[in-house]
Amino acid sequence: MLGRLNHVAIAVPDLAAATATYRDTLGAKVSEPIALPEHGVTVVFVDLGNTKVELLEPLGADSTIAGFVAKNPSGGMHHVCYEVEDIIAARDRLKAAGARVLGDGNPKTGAHGKPVLFLHPKDFHGTLVELEQV
């Protein structure tokens, strides 16, 4: 069911500073910031060739990651994203196995313009998992 690792997401309190670290200190190719108000975040992607690192900053006080950044003021790993061929089939298989899908259970459009779902971290050994249809 799982395809390749699409990205590892790191929540940060200051996207400009984090972008500068990856671009200037590590020499990485970093995208322009993308505001995603429907997800409550602004993101940039660090291109690693075989995968990406997604840097996320809270967008507004009601951001879905505001609480995470408040508990981790320096930032930290937020989630991992795996690719799946058919997100509805993956969702149905996971739910039948007892995994909890966050939100209303229906895919939303993610930062890459593709359907995504998030799975409860308690069902995946403390790791928030995102699935993205490819």
C-alpha atoms as a PDB file:
ATOM      1  CA  MET A   1       0.000   0.000   0.000  1.00  0.00           C
ATOM      2  CA  LEU A   2       2.729   2.520   0.924  1.00  0.00           C
ATOM      3  CA  GLY A   3       4.789   4.079  -1.784  1.00  0.00           C
ATOM      4  CA  ARG A   4       7.872   6.201  -1.315  1.00  0.00           C
ATOM      5  CA  LEU A   5       8.514   8.729   1.422  1.00  0.00           C
ATOM      6  CA  ASN A   6       7.208  12.012   0.025  1.00  0.00           C
ATOM      7  CA  HIS A   7       8.465  14.315   2.769  1.00  0.00           C
ATOM      8  CA  VAL A   8       9.335  14.793   6.409  1.00  0.00           C
ATOM      9  CA  ALA A   9       7.642  17.859   7.906  1.00  0.00           C
ATOM     10  CA  ILE A  10       9.322  20.064  10.475  1.00  0.00           C
ATOM     11  CA  ALA A  11       7.235  22.658  12.310  1.00  0.00           C
ATOM     12  CA  VAL A  12       9.152  25.893  12.916  1.00  0.00           C
ATOM     13  CA  PRO A  13       8.356  29.127  14.756  1.00  0.00           C
ATOM     14  CA  ASP A  14      10.119  31.292  12.136  1.00  0.00           C
ATOM     15  CA  LEU A  15       9.890  30.122   8.522  1.00  0.00           C
ATOM     16  CA  ALA A  16      12.280  32.771   7.193  1.00  0.00           C
ATOM     17  CA  ALA A  17      14.985  31.748   9.664  1.00  0.00           C
ATOM     18  CA  ALA A  18      14.477  28.036   8.981  1.00  0.00           C
ATOM     19  CA  THR A  19      14.556  28.653   5.224  1.00  0.00           C
ATOM     20  CA  ALA A  20      17.813  30.579   5.581  1.00  0.00           C
ATOM     21  CA  THR A  21      19.353  27.725   7.589  1.00  0.00           C
ATOM     22  CA  TYR A  22      18.524  25.141   4.939  1.00  0.00           C
ATOM     23  CA  ARG A  23      19.405  27.411   1.994  1.00  0.00           C
ATOM     24  CA  ASP A  24      22.430  29.296   3.292  1.00  0.00           C
ATOM     25  CA  THR A  25      23.971  26.960   5.859  1.00  0.00           C
ATOM     26  CA  LEU A  26      23.152  23.591   4.297  1.00  0.00           C
ATOM     27  CA  GLY A  27      23.203  24.762   0.653  1.00  0.00           C
ATOM     28  CA  ALA A  28      19.797  23.287  -0.161  1.00  0.00           C
ATOM     29  CA  LYS A  29      17.372  24.303  -2.881  1.00  0.00           C
ATOM     30  CA  VAL A  30      14.306  25.747  -1.119  1.00  0.00           C
ATOM     31  CA  SER A  31      10.959  26.682  -2.700  1.00  0.00           C
ATOM     32  CA  GLU A  32       9.170  29.973  -2.260  1.00  0.00           C
ATOM     33  CA  PRO A  33       6.741  30.091   0.708  1.00  0.00           C
ATOM     34  CA  ILE A  34       3.218  28.832   0.046  1.00  0.00           C
ATOM     35  CA  ALA A  35       0.387  30.010   2.331  1.00  0.00           C
ATOM     36  CA  LEU A  36      -2.223  27.309   2.918  1.00  0.00           C
ATOM     37  CA  PRO A  37      -4.980  29.010   4.928  1.00  0.00           C
ATOM     38  CA  GLU A  38      -7.211  25.906   4.731  1.00  0.00           C
ATOM     39  CA  HIS A  39      -4.496  24.016   6.655  1.00  0.00           C
ATOM     40  CA  GLY A  40      -3.435  26.959   8.845  1.00  0.00           C
ATOM     41  CA  VAL A  41       0.205  26.856   7.731  1.00  0.00           C
ATOM     42  CA  THR A  42       2.746  28.479   5.463  1.00  0.00           C
ATOM     43  CA  VAL A  43       5.201  25.996   3.955  1.00  0.00           C
ATOM     44  CA  VAL A  44       8.414  25.765   1.993  1.00  0.00           C
ATOM     45  CA  PHE A  45       9.864  22.602   0.510  1.00  0.00           C
ATOM     46  CA  VAL A  46      13.526  21.698   0.677  1.00  0.00           C
ATOM     47  CA  ASP A  47      14.331  19.623  -2.421  1.00  0.00           C
ATOM     48  CA  LEU A  48      16.607  16.683  -1.667  1.00  0.00           C
ATOM     49  CA  GLY A  49      16.303  14.982  -5.062  1.00  0.00           C
ATOM     50  CA  ASN A  50      14.863  11.708  -3.786  1.00  0.00           C
ATOM     51  CA  THR A  51      12.466  13.311  -1.275  1.00  0.00           C
ATOM     52  CA  LYS A  52      11.695  16.627   0.429  1.00  0.00           C
ATOM     53  CA  VAL A  53      11.705  18.295   3.809  1.00  0.00           C
ATOM     54  CA  GLU A  54       8.634  20.448   4.416  1.00  0.00           C
ATOM     55  CA  LEU A  55       9.137  23.387   6.766  1.00  0.00           C
ATOM     56  CA  LEU A  56       5.816  24.560   8.256  1.00  0.00           C
ATOM     57  CA  GLU A  57       5.047  27.733  10.158  1.00  0.00           C
ATOM     58  CA  PRO A  58       1.715  28.444  11.869  1.00  0.00           C
ATOM     59  CA  LEU A  59      -0.531  30.733   9.831  1.00  0.00           C
ATOM     60  CA  GLY A  60      -2.724  32.609  12.288  1.00  0.00           C
ATOM     61  CA  ALA A  61      -3.695  31.947  15.890  1.00  0.00           C
ATOM     62  CA  ASP A  62      -6.031  29.100  14.907  1.00  0.00           C
ATOM     63  CA  SER A  63      -3.320  27.180  13.051  1.00  0.00           C
ATOM     64  CA  THR A  64      -3.455  23.403  13.302  1.00  0.00           C
ATOM     65  CA  ILE A  65       0.213  23.440  14.368  1.00  0.00           C
ATOM     66  CA  ALA A  66       0.132  26.407  16.786  1.00  0.00           C
ATOM     67  CA  GLY A  67      -0.166  24.094  19.791  1.00  0.00           C
ATOM     68  CA  PHE A  68       2.720  21.953  18.570  1.00  0.00           C
ATOM     69  CA  VAL A  69       4.999  24.991  18.196  1.00  0.00           C
ATOM     70  CA  ALA A  70       3.895  26.312  21.605  1.00  0.00           C
ATOM     71  CA  LYS A  71       4.985  22.996  23.169  1.00  0.00           C
ATOM     72  CA  ASN A  72       8.161  22.910  21.044  1.00  0.00           C
ATOM     73  CA  PRO A  73       9.284  26.555  20.840  1.00  0.00           C
ATOM     74  CA  SER A  74      12.403  25.694  18.826  1.00  0.00           C
ATOM     75  CA  GLY A  75      10.336  23.592  16.395  1.00  0.00           C
ATOM     76  CA  GLY A  76      10.567  19.883  15.700  1.00  0.00           C
ATOM     77  CA  MET A  77       9.531  16.998  13.494  1.00  0.00           C
ATOM     78  CA  HIS A  78       5.775  17.199  12.953  1.00  0.00           C
ATOM     79  CA  HIS A  79       4.879  14.355  10.562  1.00  0.00           C
ATOM     80  CA  VAL A  80       6.008  12.017   7.817  1.00  0.00           C
ATOM     81  CA  CYS A  81       4.204  11.786   4.485  1.00  0.00           C
ATOM     82  CA  TYR A  82       3.980   8.588   2.460  1.00  0.00           C
ATOM     83  CA  GLU A  83       2.652   8.272  -1.062  1.00  0.00           C
ATOM     84  CA  VAL A  84      -0.257   5.968  -1.913  1.00  0.00           C
ATOM     85  CA  GLU A  85      -1.751   5.109  -5.292  1.00  0.00           C
ATOM     86  CA  ASP A  86      -5.401   5.276  -4.183  1.00  0.00           C
ATOM     87  CA  ILE A  87      -6.106   7.339  -1.086  1.00  0.00           C
ATOM     88  CA  ILE A  88      -9.709   6.137  -0.692  1.00  0.00           C
ATOM     89  CA  ALA A  89      -8.670   2.466  -0.862  1.00  0.00           C
ATOM     90  CA  ALA A  90      -5.844   3.184   1.603  1.00  0.00           C
ATOM     91  CA  ARG A  91      -8.230   4.992   3.965  1.00  0.00           C
ATOM     92  CA  ASP A  92     -10.775   2.179   3.843  1.00  0.00           C
ATOM     93  CA  ARG A  93      -8.115  -0.485   4.441  1.00  0.00           C
ATOM     94  CA  LEU A  94      -6.651   1.442   7.375  1.00  0.00           C
ATOM     95  CA  LYS A  95     -10.046   2.097   8.967  1.00  0.00           C
ATOM     96  CA  ALA A  96     -10.939  -1.593   8.628  1.00  0.00           C
ATOM     97  CA  ALA A  97      -7.686  -2.382  10.462  1.00  0.00           C
ATOM     98  CA  GLY A  98      -8.669  -0.004  13.289  1.00  0.00           C
ATOM     99  CA  ALA A  99      -6.552   3.037  12.392  1.00  0.00           C
ATOM    100  CA  ARG A 100      -8.056   6.456  13.062  1.00  0.00           C
ATOM    101  CA  VAL A 101      -8.221   8.985  10.250  1.00  0.00           C
ATOM    102  CA  LEU A 102      -8.161  12.567  11.529  1.00  0.00           C
ATOM    103  CA  GLY A 103     -10.776  15.142  10.606  1.00  0.00           C
ATOM    104  CA  ASP A 104     -13.939  13.991   8.889  1.00  0.00           C
ATOM    105  CA  GLY A 105     -12.151  11.103   7.160  1.00  0.00           C
ATOM    106  CA  ASN A 106     -12.348  12.652   3.720  1.00  0.00           C
ATOM    107  CA  PRO A 107      -9.246  13.712   1.790  1.00  0.00           C
ATOM    108  CA  LYS A 108      -8.357  17.397   1.569  1.00  0.00           C
ATOM    109  CA  THR A 109      -6.160  19.063  -1.015  1.00  0.00           C
ATOM    110  CA  GLY A 110      -2.574  19.261   0.243  1.00  0.00           C
ATOM    111  CA  ALA A 111       0.324  21.585  -0.553  1.00  0.00           C
ATOM    112  CA  HIS A 112       1.099  19.722  -3.778  1.00  0.00           C
ATOM    113  CA  GLY A 113      -2.498  20.033  -5.009  1.00  0.00           C
ATOM    114  CA  LYS A 114      -3.149  16.330  -4.374  1.00  0.00           C
ATOM    115  CA  PRO A 115      -5.532  14.569  -1.954  1.00  0.00           C
ATOM    116  CA  VAL A 116      -4.141  13.994   1.553  1.00  0.00           C
ATOM    117  CA  LEU A 117      -5.262  12.388   4.820  1.00  0.00           C
ATOM    118  CA  PHE A 118      -3.709  12.364   8.275  1.00  0.00           C
ATOM    119  CA  LEU A 119      -3.628   9.337  10.578  1.00  0.00           C
ATOM    120  CA  HIS A 120      -3.706   9.502  14.366  1.00  0.00           C
ATOM    121  CA  PRO A 121      -0.201   9.371  15.901  1.00  0.00           C
ATOM    122  CA  LYS A 122      -1.323   7.019  18.681  1.00  0.00           C
ATOM    123  CA  ASP A 123      -1.992   4.372  16.019  1.00  0.00           C
ATOM    124  CA  PHE A 124       1.498   4.762  14.491  1.00  0.00           C
ATOM    125  CA  HIS A 125       3.877   4.662  17.458  1.00  0.00           C
ATOM    126  CA  GLY A 126       3.698   8.366  18.260  1.00  0.00           C
ATOM    127  CA  THR A 127       4.165   9.613  14.691  1.00  0.00           C
ATOM    128  CA  LEU A 128       1.599  11.692  12.838  1.00  0.00           C
ATOM    129  CA  VAL A 129       1.322  10.144   9.366  1.00  0.00           C
ATOM    130  CA  GLU A 130       0.148  11.933   6.248  1.00  0.00           C
ATOM    131  CA  LEU A 131      -0.876   9.982   3.145  1.00  0.00           C
ATOM    132  CA  GLU A 132      -0.747  11.692  -0.241  1.00  0.00           C
ATOM    133  CA  GLN A 133      -2.235  10.243  -3.395  1.00  0.00           C
ATOM    134  CA  VAL A 134       0.147  10.244  -6.349  1.00  0.00           C
END
